[in-house]
């Protein structure tokens, strides 16, 4: 894949960028924005699979843009939360796409904490130009496995005494004693047939062995490629997510009464929710609960897909995702 990089400045002054996928044919369906999750980068969509999501979108005729927001590992590590990304990054990225393309509307595919923060932007009415949103894994109502709840309540406060960030790259090289100790814990507690970086990812993010993908869904190249796609994630994010889990839906990290699942919200976007039934990071109930919420607000407008054989990220880089998943996503994207 070839990309052009277009810098943009978030509304609080952070330097971010957009990657514009170069196509051999002129797009005819307008801009499509892809938004990555926590502790990764835009390249997480550019997997070494038969046909990745970028290639599929280009073939469908979309003008494809990938947002590197403040959580991207391409930028210096920073202690972000969902509010900061929702208010400052995603609205600026959408405006930049509109400026560069001249299109009055944008569609979006959003994943994990790119999804939660982007959905906050939508709820607050900050991205009215986005008319169709495909959300994967979690959006407004995060639900995690019981062991993950325990980790949030017990492990995160303890780890926060020693670390500001957790970094799966310590699976390759642990720079100091405390990261070496954590590396040892990962090696001894994760016996699955994954790379050590992959095991570290599961240790950090979920309750599975592995947590973010089913190994049988990955081709060998993707399994190795993953090792370069995860790096530092701030514990500040986990503290914010703990507040949201306690409330049962997304809430502000600073304002006690501020809910991001209001009875009335400020977007007319159609929302399509995807979840893997085997997701051990965020339960598929996360998306089911959000669908039920959305269906009360606008009955029949939104859609939900729970995929039995998929987990968290293999929905995008599973070796058969171009057959099992992408046709469903683009059927919805092409509907209007």
Foldseek 3Di string as FASTA:
>chain_A
DDWDWAWFAWPVGDIWIKTWDDDPDAADQEAEEEEEAAQFFQCLQVFPFPAFPVNVCVVVRHGYMYIGFQRHPVDPDDLDALQCCLRIPPLRVLVVSCVVPVDQAYEYEYADSSQQSVLLNQQAQSRQRYAAYEYEAAYWFFDADPVVLVCLVPVLVVVVVPDFKQWLLVLVPQDDDVSVVVLVVLVVPAPAPARSSQSSCCVPFFDDSRAAKDVVQADPRRRVVVSPGGTIGGSSHSQQVNVSNVVRTHADPPDPPGGSLDLDGNYNHAYEYEAECRHGRTHLVNRVVVVVSVCVNPNPRYYYDYHDRIYGSSCRVGNCVVPVPSVVVVVVVVPD
